[in-house]
Amino acid sequence: MRKLDILLIVLLLASSLGLVRSAYESRRVFAELDRARAEQRQLEAEHKRLDAERQAQATHARVQRVAREQLKMGSVTPAITVYVDDTVAASGAPR
C-alpha cells in the first residue's frame, strides 16, 4: 500500500507542475497576443494617416502646381505642338 501512496503523490505532483506550467504558458501567450493586437492597432492608425497624406499629396491642384513650378511644365497649345512625320514607317520599309 505504501508504494501505491508514493506513486499517487508523485503523479499528483507531476500533474500539479504540469498545470502550473500550462497556466504560465497560457498567460504568456495571451500577453504576447495582447501586444500583437496593440501593435496591429498602431500600424492600422499609421496606415490610415499615411493614406490620408497620400490622398492629400495627389490632389489635382497640387499635381498641377508641382508640374508648373518644379518641373517647369506648361499647358499644351497648338503653337508649341510639334508633329513628327515618319515617312519610313508609313511606307512599310524595314528599319
N, C-alpha and C. Protein backbone atom coordinates (compact mmCIF):
# COMPACT_ATOMS: atom_id res chain seq x y z
N MET A 1 0.82 -1.19 0.00
CA MET A 1 0.00 0.00 0.00
C MET A 1 0.86 1.26 0.00
N ARG A 2 2.01 1.17 0.63
CA ARG A 2 2.90 2.31 0.76
C ARG A 2 3.43 2.75 -0.61
N LYS A 3 3.77 1.81 -1.48
CA LYS A 3 4.28 2.13 -2.81
C LYS A 3 3.20 2.83 -3.64
N LEU A 4 1.97 2.38 -3.51
CA LEU A 4 0.87 2.99 -4.24
C LEU A 4 0.66 4.43 -3.79
N ASP A 5 0.75 4.69 -2.49
CA ASP A 5 0.61 6.06 -1.98
C ASP A 5 1.71 6.97 -2.53
N ILE A 6 2.93 6.49 -2.55
CA ILE A 6 4.06 7.28 -3.05
C ILE A 6 3.88 7.54 -4.54
N LEU A 7 3.45 6.51 -5.27
CA LEU A 7 3.22 6.67 -6.70
C LEU A 7 2.13 7.71 -6.97
N LEU A 8 1.05 7.65 -6.20
CA LEU A 8 -0.03 8.62 -6.38
C LEU A 8 0.41 10.03 -6.03
N ILE A 9 1.24 10.19 -5.01
CA ILE A 9 1.75 11.51 -4.63
C ILE A 9 2.66 12.06 -5.74
N VAL A 10 3.51 11.20 -6.29
CA VAL A 10 4.40 11.62 -7.37
C VAL A 10 3.56 12.04 -8.59
N LEU A 11 2.55 11.27 -8.93
CA LEU A 11 1.68 11.61 -10.06
C LEU A 11 0.92 12.90 -9.79
N LEU A 12 0.48 13.09 -8.54
CA LEU A 12 -0.21 14.33 -8.18
C LEU A 12 0.71 15.53 -8.32
N LEU A 13 1.96 15.40 -7.88
CA LEU A 13 2.93 16.49 -8.00
C LEU A 13 3.24 16.78 -9.48
N ALA A 14 3.40 15.74 -10.26
CA ALA A 14 3.68 15.93 -11.69
C ALA A 14 2.50 16.62 -12.37
N SER A 15 1.31 16.20 -12.02
CA SER A 15 0.11 16.81 -12.59
C SER A 15 0.01 18.27 -12.16
N SER A 16 0.32 18.57 -10.92
CA SER A 16 0.27 19.95 -10.42
C SER A 16 1.28 20.82 -11.14
N LEU A 17 2.50 20.30 -11.31
CA LEU A 17 3.53 21.07 -12.02
C LEU A 17 3.13 21.29 -13.48
N GLY A 18 2.54 20.30 -14.11
CA GLY A 18 2.05 20.44 -15.48
C GLY A 18 0.97 21.50 -15.57
N LEU A 19 0.07 21.52 -14.58
CA LEU A 19 -1.00 22.52 -14.55
C LEU A 19 -0.43 23.93 -14.38
N VAL A 20 0.55 24.08 -13.50
CA VAL A 20 1.17 25.39 -13.28
C VAL A 20 1.89 25.84 -14.55
N ARG A 21 2.61 24.93 -15.18
CA ARG A 21 3.31 25.28 -16.43
C ARG A 21 2.32 25.66 -17.52
N SER A 22 1.26 24.92 -17.62
CA SER A 22 0.24 25.21 -18.62
C SER A 22 -0.40 26.58 -18.39
N ALA A 23 -0.69 26.91 -17.15
CA ALA A 23 -1.27 28.22 -16.83
C ALA A 23 -0.27 29.34 -17.14
N TYR A 24 1.00 29.12 -16.83
CA TYR A 24 2.03 30.11 -17.12
C TYR A 24 2.14 30.34 -18.63
N GLU A 25 2.20 29.28 -19.41
CA GLU A 25 2.28 29.39 -20.86
C GLU A 25 1.06 30.10 -21.43
N SER A 26 -0.10 29.79 -20.87
CA SER A 26 -1.33 30.43 -21.32
C SER A 26 -1.27 31.93 -21.08
N ARG A 27 -0.83 32.35 -19.92
CA ARG A 27 -0.71 33.79 -19.61
C ARG A 27 0.34 34.45 -20.51
N ARG A 28 1.43 33.77 -20.75
CA ARG A 28 2.49 34.32 -21.59
C ARG A 28 2.00 34.51 -23.03
N VAL A 29 1.32 33.52 -23.55
CA VAL A 29 0.81 33.61 -24.92
C VAL A 29 -0.27 34.69 -25.02
N PHE A 30 -1.12 34.79 -24.00
CA PHE A 30 -2.15 35.82 -24.01
C PHE A 30 -1.53 37.22 -23.98
N ALA A 31 -0.47 37.40 -23.17
CA ALA A 31 0.21 38.70 -23.12
C ALA A 31 0.85 39.03 -24.47
N GLU A 32 1.42 38.03 -25.11
CA GLU A 32 2.02 38.24 -26.43
C GLU A 32 0.95 38.60 -27.46
N LEU A 33 -0.19 37.94 -27.38
CA LEU A 33 -1.30 38.25 -28.27
C LEU A 33 -1.80 39.67 -28.05
N ASP A 34 -1.86 40.08 -26.80
CA ASP A 34 -2.30 41.44 -26.47
C ASP A 34 -1.32 42.47 -27.04
N ARG A 35 -0.03 42.21 -26.93
CA ARG A 35 0.98 43.11 -27.51
C ARG A 35 0.86 43.16 -29.03
N ALA A 36 0.62 42.02 -29.65
CA ALA A 36 0.49 41.99 -31.11
C ALA A 36 -0.75 42.76 -31.56
N ARG A 37 -1.83 42.65 -30.82
CA ARG A 37 -3.04 43.40 -31.17
C ARG A 37 -2.82 44.90 -31.01
N ALA A 38 -2.09 45.30 -29.97
CA ALA A 38 -1.78 46.72 -29.79
C ALA A 38 -0.92 47.24 -30.94
N GLU A 39 0.05 46.44 -31.36
CA GLU A 39 0.89 46.83 -32.49
C GLU A 39 0.06 46.90 -33.77
N GLN A 40 -0.89 45.98 -33.93
CA GLN A 40 -1.76 46.00 -35.10
C GLN A 40 -2.58 47.28 -35.13
N ARG A 41 -3.13 47.67 -33.98
CA ARG A 41 -3.91 48.92 -33.93
C ARG A 41 -3.04 50.11 -34.29
N GLN A 42 -1.82 50.13 -33.78
CA GLN A 42 -0.90 51.23 -34.07
C GLN A 42 -0.57 51.27 -35.57
N LEU A 43 -0.30 50.12 -36.16
CA LEU A 43 0.03 50.08 -37.58
C LEU A 43 -1.17 50.47 -38.44
N GLU A 44 -2.36 50.08 -38.04
CA GLU A 44 -3.56 50.47 -38.79
C GLU A 44 -3.76 51.99 -38.73
N ALA A 45 -3.53 52.58 -37.57
CA ALA A 45 -3.66 54.04 -37.44
C ALA A 45 -2.61 54.74 -38.31
N GLU A 46 -1.40 54.22 -38.31
CA GLU A 46 -0.34 54.81 -39.14
C GLU A 46 -0.69 54.67 -40.62
N HIS A 47 -1.22 53.51 -40.99
CA HIS A 47 -1.61 53.30 -42.39
C HIS A 47 -2.70 54.28 -42.80
N LYS A 48 -3.68 54.51 -41.94
CA LYS A 48 -4.74 55.47 -42.26
C LYS A 48 -4.18 56.87 -42.41
N ARG A 49 -3.24 57.23 -41.53
CA ARG A 49 -2.62 58.55 -41.61
C ARG A 49 -1.84 58.71 -42.90
N LEU A 50 -1.06 57.69 -43.26
CA LEU A 50 -0.27 57.76 -44.48
C LEU A 50 -1.16 57.76 -45.72
N ASP A 51 -2.27 57.03 -45.67
CA ASP A 51 -3.20 57.02 -46.79
C ASP A 51 -3.83 58.40 -46.98
N ALA A 52 -4.21 59.02 -45.87
CA ALA A 52 -4.78 60.37 -45.95
C ALA A 52 -3.74 61.36 -46.47
N GLU A 53 -2.51 61.20 -46.04
CA GLU A 53 -1.43 62.08 -46.52
C GLU A 53 -1.19 61.87 -48.01
N ARG A 54 -1.23 60.62 -48.46
CA ARG A 54 -1.05 60.32 -49.88
C ARG A 54 -2.17 60.94 -50.71
N GLN A 55 -3.39 60.83 -50.21
CA GLN A 55 -4.51 61.42 -50.93
C GLN A 55 -4.39 62.94 -51.00
N ALA A 56 -3.91 63.54 -49.92
CA ALA A 56 -3.73 64.99 -49.91
C ALA A 56 -2.63 65.41 -50.89
N GLN A 57 -1.59 64.58 -51.02
CA GLN A 57 -0.49 64.90 -51.93
C GLN A 57 -0.87 64.71 -53.39
N ALA A 58 -1.87 63.89 -53.66
CA ALA A 58 -2.22 63.55 -55.04
C ALA A 58 -3.40 64.35 -55.58
N THR A 59 -3.74 65.46 -54.95
CA THR A 59 -4.85 66.26 -55.48
C THR A 59 -4.46 66.88 -56.82
N HIS A 60 -5.46 67.11 -57.65
CA HIS A 60 -5.21 67.63 -58.99
C HIS A 60 -4.51 68.99 -58.94
N ALA A 61 -4.96 69.85 -58.05
CA ALA A 61 -4.36 71.19 -57.95
C ALA A 61 -2.88 71.11 -57.55
N ARG A 62 -2.55 70.21 -56.62
CA ARG A 62 -1.16 70.09 -56.19
C ARG A 62 -0.29 69.53 -57.31
N VAL A 63 -0.80 68.53 -58.02
CA VAL A 63 -0.04 67.96 -59.13
C VAL A 63 0.21 69.03 -60.20
N GLN A 64 -0.80 69.84 -60.50
CA GLN A 64 -0.64 70.92 -61.47
C GLN A 64 0.42 71.93 -61.00
N ARG A 65 0.37 72.28 -59.71
CA ARG A 65 1.32 73.25 -59.17
C ARG A 65 2.74 72.71 -59.22
N VAL A 66 2.94 71.44 -58.82
CA VAL A 66 4.28 70.84 -58.85
C VAL A 66 4.79 70.75 -60.28
N ALA A 67 3.91 70.37 -61.20
CA ALA A 67 4.33 70.27 -62.60
C ALA A 67 4.75 71.64 -63.13
N ARG A 68 4.03 72.67 -62.76
CA ARG A 68 4.33 74.01 -63.25
C ARG A 68 5.58 74.57 -62.57
N GLU A 69 5.69 74.45 -61.26
CA GLU A 69 6.78 75.09 -60.53
C GLU A 69 8.08 74.29 -60.55
N GLN A 70 8.03 73.03 -60.21
CA GLN A 70 9.26 72.25 -60.09
C GLN A 70 9.71 71.66 -61.41
N LEU A 71 8.77 71.20 -62.23
CA LEU A 71 9.14 70.56 -63.48
C LEU A 71 9.13 71.51 -64.66
N LYS A 72 8.72 72.74 -64.42
CA LYS A 72 8.68 73.77 -65.46
C LYS A 72 7.84 73.33 -66.66
N MET A 73 6.72 72.72 -66.38
CA MET A 73 5.82 72.27 -67.44
C MET A 73 4.74 73.32 -67.64
N GLY A 74 4.19 73.36 -68.83
CA GLY A 74 3.14 74.31 -69.12
C GLY A 74 1.99 73.63 -69.85
N SER A 75 0.97 74.38 -70.11
CA SER A 75 -0.18 73.84 -70.82
C SER A 75 0.17 73.64 -72.30
N VAL A 76 -0.47 72.68 -72.90
CA VAL A 76 -0.23 72.38 -74.31
C VAL A 76 -1.06 73.34 -75.16
N THR A 77 -0.41 73.97 -76.11
CA THR A 77 -1.10 74.84 -77.05
C THR A 77 -0.68 74.43 -78.46
N PRO A 78 -1.50 74.73 -79.45
CA PRO A 78 -1.10 74.38 -80.83
C PRO A 78 0.19 75.08 -81.27
N ALA A 79 0.50 76.20 -80.68
CA ALA A 79 1.71 76.93 -81.07
C ALA A 79 2.98 76.19 -80.69
N ILE A 80 2.95 75.39 -79.63
CA ILE A 80 4.17 74.69 -79.21
C ILE A 80 4.13 73.20 -79.52
N THR A 81 3.10 72.74 -80.22
CA THR A 81 2.98 71.34 -80.57
C THR A 81 3.83 71.04 -81.79
N VAL A 82 4.63 69.98 -81.70
CA VAL A 82 5.49 69.57 -82.81
C VAL A 82 4.98 68.23 -83.31
N TYR A 83 4.68 68.17 -84.60
CA TYR A 83 4.22 66.93 -85.22
C TYR A 83 5.39 66.29 -85.94
N VAL A 84 5.56 65.00 -85.77
CA VAL A 84 6.66 64.27 -86.40
C VAL A 84 6.09 63.46 -87.55
N ASP A 85 6.71 63.60 -88.70
CA ASP A 85 6.28 62.86 -89.88
C ASP A 85 7.30 61.75 -90.10
N ASP A 86 6.90 60.52 -89.87
CA ASP A 86 7.81 59.38 -90.02
C ASP A 86 7.49 58.70 -91.34
N THR A 87 8.13 59.13 -92.40
CA THR A 87 7.85 58.60 -93.74
C THR A 87 8.34 57.17 -93.90
N VAL A 88 9.38 56.78 -93.18
CA VAL A 88 9.91 55.43 -93.30
C VAL A 88 8.91 54.43 -92.74
N ALA A 89 8.33 54.72 -91.61
CA ALA A 89 7.36 53.82 -91.01
C ALA A 89 6.07 53.77 -91.82
N ALA A 90 5.70 54.88 -92.42
CA ALA A 90 4.47 54.95 -93.21
C ALA A 90 4.62 54.14 -94.49
N SER A 91 5.81 54.07 -95.09
CA SER A 91 5.98 53.37 -96.34
C SER A 91 6.07 51.85 -96.13
N GLY A 92 6.28 51.42 -94.92
CA GLY A 92 6.34 49.99 -94.62
C GLY A 92 7.71 49.40 -94.84
N ALA A 93 8.71 50.22 -95.09
CA ALA A 93 10.07 49.74 -95.30
C ALA A 93 10.66 49.28 -93.98
N PRO A 94 11.46 48.24 -94.03
CA PRO A 94 12.11 47.78 -92.78
C PRO A 94 13.13 48.80 -92.29
N ARG A 95 13.31 48.81 -91.04
CA ARG A 95 14.23 49.78 -90.42
C ARG A 95 15.62 49.29 -90.39
